[in-house]
C-alpha atoms as a PDB file:
ATOM      1  CA  UNK A   1     -34.304 -47.939 -39.648  1.00  0.00           C
ATOM      2  CA  UNK A   2     -37.878 -48.407 -38.487  1.00  0.00           C
ATOM      3  CA  UNK A   3     -40.711 -47.252 -40.745  1.00  0.00           C
ATOM      4  CA  UNK A   4     -44.041 -46.299 -39.193  1.00  0.00           C
ATOM      5  CA  UNK A   5     -47.150 -46.216 -41.382  1.00  0.00           C
ATOM      6  CA  UNK A   6     -49.812 -43.794 -40.179  1.00  0.00           C
ATOM      7  CA  UNK A   7     -53.253 -43.081 -41.595  1.00  0.00           C
ATOM      8  CA  UNK A   8     -56.970 -43.468 -41.215  1.00  0.00           C
ATOM      9  CA  UNK A   9     -58.539 -46.920 -41.194  1.00  0.00           C
ATOM     10  CA  UNK A  10     -58.837 -48.126 -44.768  1.00  0.00           C
ATOM     11  CA  UNK A  11     -55.858 -46.114 -46.002  1.00  0.00           C
ATOM     12  CA  UNK A  12     -53.923 -49.318 -46.718  1.00  0.00           C
ATOM     13  CA  UNK A  13     -51.431 -49.381 -43.864  1.00  0.00           C
ATOM     14  CA  UNK A  14     -51.451 -53.175 -43.459  1.00  0.00           C
ATOM     15  CA  UNK A  15     -51.423 -54.018 -47.173  1.00  0.00           C
ATOM     16  CA  UNK A  16     -48.766 -51.417 -47.998  1.00  0.00           C
ATOM     17  CA  UNK A  17     -46.708 -52.348 -44.947  1.00  0.00           C
ATOM     18  CA  UNK A  18     -46.576 -56.038 -45.781  1.00  0.00           C
ATOM     19  CA  UNK A  19     -45.415 -55.352 -49.329  1.00  0.00           C
ATOM     20  CA  UNK A  20     -42.979 -52.605 -48.313  1.00  0.00           C
ATOM     21  CA  UNK A  21     -41.334 -54.926 -45.799  1.00  0.00           C
ATOM     22  CA  UNK A  22     -40.716 -57.466 -48.588  1.00  0.00           C
ATOM     23  CA  UNK A  23     -39.226 -54.812 -50.881  1.00  0.00           C
ATOM     24  CA  UNK A  24     -36.886 -53.549 -48.152  1.00  0.00           C
ATOM     25  CA  UNK A  25     -36.233 -57.003 -46.681  1.00  0.00           C
ATOM     26  CA  UNK A  26     -37.471 -55.715 -43.317  1.00  0.00           C
ATOM     27  CA  UNK A  27     -39.656 -57.419 -40.745  1.00  0.00           C
ATOM     28  CA  UNK A  28     -43.322 -56.449 -40.658  1.00  0.00           C
ATOM     29  CA  UNK A  29     -45.479 -55.766 -37.620  1.00  0.00           C
ATOM     30  CA  UNK A  30     -49.108 -54.661 -37.383  1.00  0.00           C
ATOM     31  CA  UNK A  31     -49.561 -52.971 -33.993  1.00  0.00           C
ATOM     32  CA  UNK A  32     -53.204 -54.107 -33.714  1.00  0.00           C
ATOM     33  CA  UNK A  33     -52.203 -57.739 -34.292  1.00  0.00           C
ATOM     34  CA  UNK A  34     -49.358 -57.356 -31.797  1.00  0.00           C
ATOM     35  CA  UNK A  35     -51.822 -56.022 -29.193  1.00  0.00           C
ATOM     36  CA  UNK A  36     -54.299 -58.829 -29.897  1.00  0.00           C
ATOM     37  CA  UNK A  37     -51.568 -61.446 -29.475  1.00  0.00           C
ATOM     38  CA  UNK A  38     -50.237 -59.911 -26.264  1.00  0.00           C
ATOM     39  CA  UNK A  39     -53.728 -59.454 -24.781  1.00  0.00           C
ATOM     40  CA  UNK A  40     -55.212 -62.709 -26.074  1.00  0.00           C
ATOM     41  CA  UNK A  41     -58.259 -60.807 -27.292  1.00  0.00           C
ATOM     42  CA  UNK A  42     -59.505 -59.007 -30.396  1.00  0.00           C
ATOM     43  CA  UNK A  43     -59.458 -55.206 -30.521  1.00  0.00           C
ATOM     44  CA  UNK A  44     -63.273 -55.217 -30.738  1.00  0.00           C
ATOM     45  CA  UNK A  45     -63.518 -57.363 -27.611  1.00  0.00           C
ATOM     46  CA  UNK A  46     -61.024 -55.172 -25.733  1.00  0.00           C
ATOM     47  CA  UNK A  47     -63.087 -52.076 -26.589  1.00  0.00           C
ATOM     48  CA  UNK A  48     -66.272 -53.869 -25.559  1.00  0.00           C
ATOM     49  CA  UNK A  49     -65.074 -55.421 -22.292  1.00  0.00           C
ATOM     50  CA  UNK A  50     -62.405 -53.028 -21.010  1.00  0.00           C
ATOM     51  CA  UNK A  51     -63.217 -49.774 -22.803  1.00  0.00           C
ATOM     52  CA  UNK A  52     -61.355 -47.388 -25.044  1.00  0.00           C
ATOM     53  CA  UNK A  53     -59.330 -45.788 -22.223  1.00  0.00           C
ATOM     54  CA  UNK A  54     -57.855 -49.173 -21.261  1.00  0.00           C
ATOM     55  CA  UNK A  55     -57.154 -49.951 -24.911  1.00  0.00           C
ATOM     56  CA  UNK A  56     -55.405 -46.616 -25.535  1.00  0.00           C
ATOM     57  CA  UNK A  57     -53.248 -47.095 -22.420  1.00  0.00           C
ATOM     58  CA  UNK A  58     -51.969 -50.518 -23.463  1.00  0.00           C
ATOM     59  CA  UNK A  59     -51.667 -49.359 -27.074  1.00  0.00           C
ATOM     60  CA  UNK A  60     -49.227 -46.649 -25.915  1.00  0.00           C
ATOM     61  CA  UNK A  61     -47.222 -49.167 -23.889  1.00  0.00           C
ATOM     62  CA  UNK A  62     -46.971 -51.593 -26.791  1.00  0.00           C
ATOM     63  CA  UNK A  63     -46.111 -48.797 -29.223  1.00  0.00           C
ATOM     64  CA  UNK A  64     -43.113 -47.877 -27.072  1.00  0.00           C
ATOM     65  CA  UNK A  65     -42.033 -51.536 -27.119  1.00  0.00           C
ATOM     66  CA  UNK A  66     -42.210 -51.920 -30.904  1.00  0.00           C
ATOM     67  CA  UNK A  67     -40.456 -48.592 -31.548  1.00  0.00           C
ATOM     68  CA  UNK A  68     -37.321 -50.317 -30.251  1.00  0.00           C
ATOM     69  CA  UNK A  69     -37.356 -52.768 -33.161  1.00  0.00           C
ATOM     70  CA  UNK A  70     -34.897 -52.314 -36.019  1.00  0.00           C
ATOM     71  CA  UNK A  71     -35.378 -52.907 -39.740  1.00  0.00           C
ATOM     72  CA  UNK A  72     -39.119 -53.177 -39.294  1.00  0.00           C
ATOM     73  CA  UNK A  73     -42.139 -51.718 -41.045  1.00  0.00           C
ATOM     74  CA  UNK A  74     -44.870 -51.070 -38.471  1.00  0.00           C
ATOM     75  CA  UNK A  75     -48.514 -50.352 -39.335  1.00  0.00           C
ATOM     76  CA  UNK A  76     -50.339 -48.448 -36.620  1.00  0.00           C
ATOM     77  CA  UNK A  77     -54.026 -48.316 -35.833  1.00  0.00           C
ATOM     78  CA  UNK A  78     -55.732 -45.229 -37.248  1.00  0.00           C
ATOM     79  CA  UNK A  79     -56.068 -43.619 -33.826  1.00  0.00           C
ATOM     80  CA  UNK A  80     -52.682 -44.578 -32.407  1.00  0.00           C
ATOM     81  CA  UNK A  81     -50.817 -41.329 -33.231  1.00  0.00           C
ATOM     82  CA  UNK A  82     -53.663 -39.227 -31.805  1.00  0.00           C
ATOM     83  CA  UNK A  83     -53.587 -40.315 -28.174  1.00  0.00           C
ATOM     84  CA  UNK A  84     -51.376 -39.316 -25.287  1.00  0.00           C
ATOM     85  CA  UNK A  85     -47.770 -38.770 -26.287  1.00  0.00           C
ATOM     86  CA  UNK A  86     -47.762 -41.414 -29.027  1.00  0.00           C
ATOM     87  CA  UNK A  87     -46.883 -39.042 -31.871  1.00  0.00           C
ATOM     88  CA  UNK A  88     -44.013 -37.568 -29.850  1.00  0.00           C
ATOM     89  CA  UNK A  89     -42.762 -41.090 -29.119  1.00  0.00           C
ATOM     90  CA  UNK A  90     -42.770 -41.774 -32.872  1.00  0.00           C
ATOM     91  CA  UNK A  91     -41.160 -38.464 -33.852  1.00  0.00           C
ATOM     92  CA  UNK A  92     -38.372 -38.680 -31.290  1.00  0.00           C
ATOM     93  CA  UNK A  93     -37.613 -42.368 -31.700  1.00  0.00           C
ATOM     94  CA  UNK A  94     -34.117 -42.719 -33.208  1.00  0.00           C
ATOM     95  CA  UNK A  95     -33.776 -44.101 -36.733  1.00  0.00           C
ATOM     96  CA  UNK A  96     -37.555 -43.962 -37.222  1.00  0.00           C
ATOM     97  CA  UNK A  97     -39.336 -42.484 -40.236  1.00  0.00           C
ATOM     98  CA  UNK A  98     -43.105 -41.988 -40.217  1.00  0.00           C
ATOM     99  CA  UNK A  99     -45.224 -41.960 -43.347  1.00  0.00           C
ATOM    100  CA  UNK A 100     -48.789 -40.691 -43.514  1.00  0.00           C
ATOM    101  CA  UNK A 101     -50.794 -42.686 -46.064  1.00  0.00           C
ATOM    102  CA  UNK A 102     -53.271 -39.991 -47.031  1.00  0.00           C
ATOM    103  CA  UNK A 103     -56.602 -41.047 -48.522  1.00  0.00           C
ATOM    104  CA  UNK A 104     -59.479 -38.756 -49.454  1.00  0.00           C
ATOM    105  CA  UNK A 105     -62.860 -39.061 -47.760  1.00  0.00           C
ATOM    106  CA  UNK A 106     -64.561 -40.519 -50.891  1.00  0.00           C
ATOM    107  CA  UNK A 107     -61.749 -43.093 -51.229  1.00  0.00           C
ATOM    108  CA  UNK A 108     -62.111 -44.109 -47.563  1.00  0.00           C
ATOM    109  CA  UNK A 109     -65.910 -44.361 -47.817  1.00  0.00           C
ATOM    110  CA  UNK A 110     -65.571 -46.623 -50.874  1.00  0.00           C
ATOM    111  CA  UNK A 111     -63.028 -48.840 -49.107  1.00  0.00           C
ATOM    112  CA  UNK A 112     -64.799 -49.032 -45.739  1.00  0.00           C
ATOM    113  CA  UNK A 113     -68.554 -49.066 -46.340  1.00  0.00           C
ATOM    114  CA  UNK A 114     -68.943 -52.774 -47.085  1.00  0.00           C
ATOM    115  CA  UNK A 115     -66.424 -53.740 -44.368  1.00  0.00           C
ATOM    116  CA  UNK A 116     -67.755 -51.564 -41.554  1.00  0.00           C
ATOM    117  CA  UNK A 117     -69.143 -54.504 -39.548  1.00  0.00           C
ATOM    118  CA  UNK A 118     -65.522 -55.525 -38.827  1.00  0.00           C
ATOM    119  CA  UNK A 119     -64.573 -52.021 -37.675  1.00  0.00           C
ATOM    120  CA  UNK A 120     -65.865 -51.195 -34.159  1.00  0.00           C
ATOM    121  CA  UNK A 121     -65.767 -47.426 -34.651  1.00  0.00           C
ATOM    122  CA  UNK A 122     -68.006 -47.450 -37.733  1.00  0.00           C
ATOM    123  CA  UNK A 123     -70.059 -50.642 -37.352  1.00  0.00           C
ATOM    124  CA  UNK A 124     -73.105 -48.654 -36.175  1.00  0.00           C
ATOM    125  CA  UNK A 125     -73.269 -46.452 -39.284  1.00  0.00           C
ATOM    126  CA  UNK A 126     -76.030 -47.450 -41.685  1.00  0.00           C
ATOM    127  CA  UNK A 127     -75.412 -45.471 -44.867  1.00  0.00           C
ATOM    128  CA  UNK A 128     -72.688 -43.758 -46.882  1.00  0.00           C
ATOM    129  CA  UNK A 129     -73.760 -40.254 -45.837  1.00  0.00           C
ATOM    130  CA  UNK A 130     -73.293 -41.118 -42.157  1.00  0.00           C
ATOM    131  CA  UNK A 131     -69.938 -42.732 -42.923  1.00  0.00           C
ATOM    132  CA  UNK A 132     -68.816 -39.704 -44.957  1.00  0.00           C
ATOM    133  CA  UNK A 133     -69.700 -37.353 -42.107  1.00  0.00           C
ATOM    134  CA  UNK A 134     -68.010 -39.592 -39.530  1.00  0.00           C
ATOM    135  CA  UNK A 135     -64.777 -39.904 -41.528  1.00  0.00           C
ATOM    136  CA  UNK A 136     -64.738 -36.172 -42.285  1.00  0.00           C
ATOM    137  CA  UNK A 137     -65.048 -35.304 -38.594  1.00  0.00           C
ATOM    138  CA  UNK A 138     -62.373 -37.820 -37.609  1.00  0.00           C
ATOM    139  CA  UNK A 139     -59.939 -36.705 -40.301  1.00  0.00           C
ATOM    140  CA  UNK A 140     -60.386 -33.105 -39.199  1.00  0.00           C
ATOM    141  CA  UNK A 141     -59.633 -34.079 -35.582  1.00  0.00           C
ATOM    142  CA  UNK A 142     -56.697 -36.309 -36.496  1.00  0.00           C
ATOM    143  CA  UNK A 143     -55.080 -34.294 -39.286  1.00  0.00           C
ATOM    144  CA  UNK A 144     -52.844 -32.350 -36.884  1.00  0.00           C
ATOM    145  CA  UNK A 145     -51.320 -35.623 -35.703  1.00  0.00           C
ATOM    146  CA  UNK A 146     -51.127 -37.314 -39.103  1.00  0.00           C
ATOM    147  CA  UNK A 147     -49.499 -34.234 -40.643  1.00  0.00           C
ATOM    148  CA  UNK A 148     -46.618 -34.431 -38.155  1.00  0.00           C
ATOM    149  CA  UNK A 149     -45.349 -37.487 -40.050  1.00  0.00           C
ATOM    150  CA  UNK A 150     -41.980 -37.200 -41.762  1.00  0.00           C
ATOM    151  CA  UNK A 151     -43.563 -37.834 -45.163  1.00  0.00           C
ATOM    152  CA  UNK A 152     -47.028 -37.889 -46.716  1.00  0.00           C
ATOM    153  CA  UNK A 153     -47.949 -40.207 -49.575  1.00  0.00           C
ATOM    154  CA  UNK A 154     -51.296 -39.924 -51.324  1.00  0.00           C
ATOM    155  CA  UNK A 155     -52.916 -43.323 -51.886  1.00  0.00           C
ATOM    156  CA  UNK A 156     -56.003 -42.383 -53.930  1.00  0.00           C
ATOM    157  CA  UNK A 157     -56.278 -44.313 -57.205  1.00  0.00           C
ATOM    158  CA  UNK A 158     -52.791 -45.803 -56.892  1.00  0.00           C
ATOM    159  CA  UNK A 159     -51.690 -49.410 -56.930  1.00  0.00           C
ATOM    160  CA  UNK A 160     -49.842 -50.932 -53.987  1.00  0.00           C
ATOM    161  CA  UNK A 161     -46.700 -51.013 -56.142  1.00  0.00           C
ATOM    162  CA  UNK A 162     -46.959 -47.300 -57.019  1.00  0.00           C
ATOM    163  CA  UNK A 163     -47.540 -46.318 -53.374  1.00  0.00           C
ATOM    164  CA  UNK A 164     -44.505 -48.338 -52.277  1.00  0.00           C
ATOM    165  CA  UNK A 165     -42.444 -46.822 -55.073  1.00  0.00           C
ATOM    166  CA  UNK A 166     -43.446 -43.352 -53.793  1.00  0.00           C
ATOM    167  CA  UNK A 167     -42.482 -44.334 -50.243  1.00  0.00           C
ATOM    168  CA  UNK A 168     -39.072 -45.723 -51.256  1.00  0.00           C
ATOM    169  CA  UNK A 169     -38.345 -42.542 -53.265  1.00  0.00           C
ATOM    170  CA  UNK A 170     -39.051 -40.399 -50.180  1.00  0.00           C
ATOM    171  CA  UNK A 171     -37.017 -42.593 -47.818  1.00  0.00           C
ATOM    172  CA  UNK A 172     -33.880 -42.962 -49.902  1.00  0.00           C
END
């Protein structure tokens, strides 16, 4: 089985994924890290030098590669399921289960505000009101894709252990 973690930036995909892979004795892969290693460049630099269209194209190619892995927990970038045919590739990939880590807007604002300089999409936002509006708009646009996941797990005010317990209960 391959487990795909989907959700907005700050929802905990990387943290949850790393711990879940240990619990299940699976490999762990972060798609953004995989892309950075294959491209020899950071995501921010790829966006800056080659543009979002280039990034989304290679992201789709690399997603198709990693969907072939077995016994792996894969954390996607927040936008990955929302471009091209990526969500269809996930849904129709054999032995793959997708999990939407759903966080509320206030939870995401709390998690992201002080770390926004490391996030290219929100680095330009200067206050929490702007960030709240930005996240709300994005979640509205992306919810159709996120909600196509096999399972949804709420992450608000839960520990990593509780979230992983919820995931395991849904999977098995």
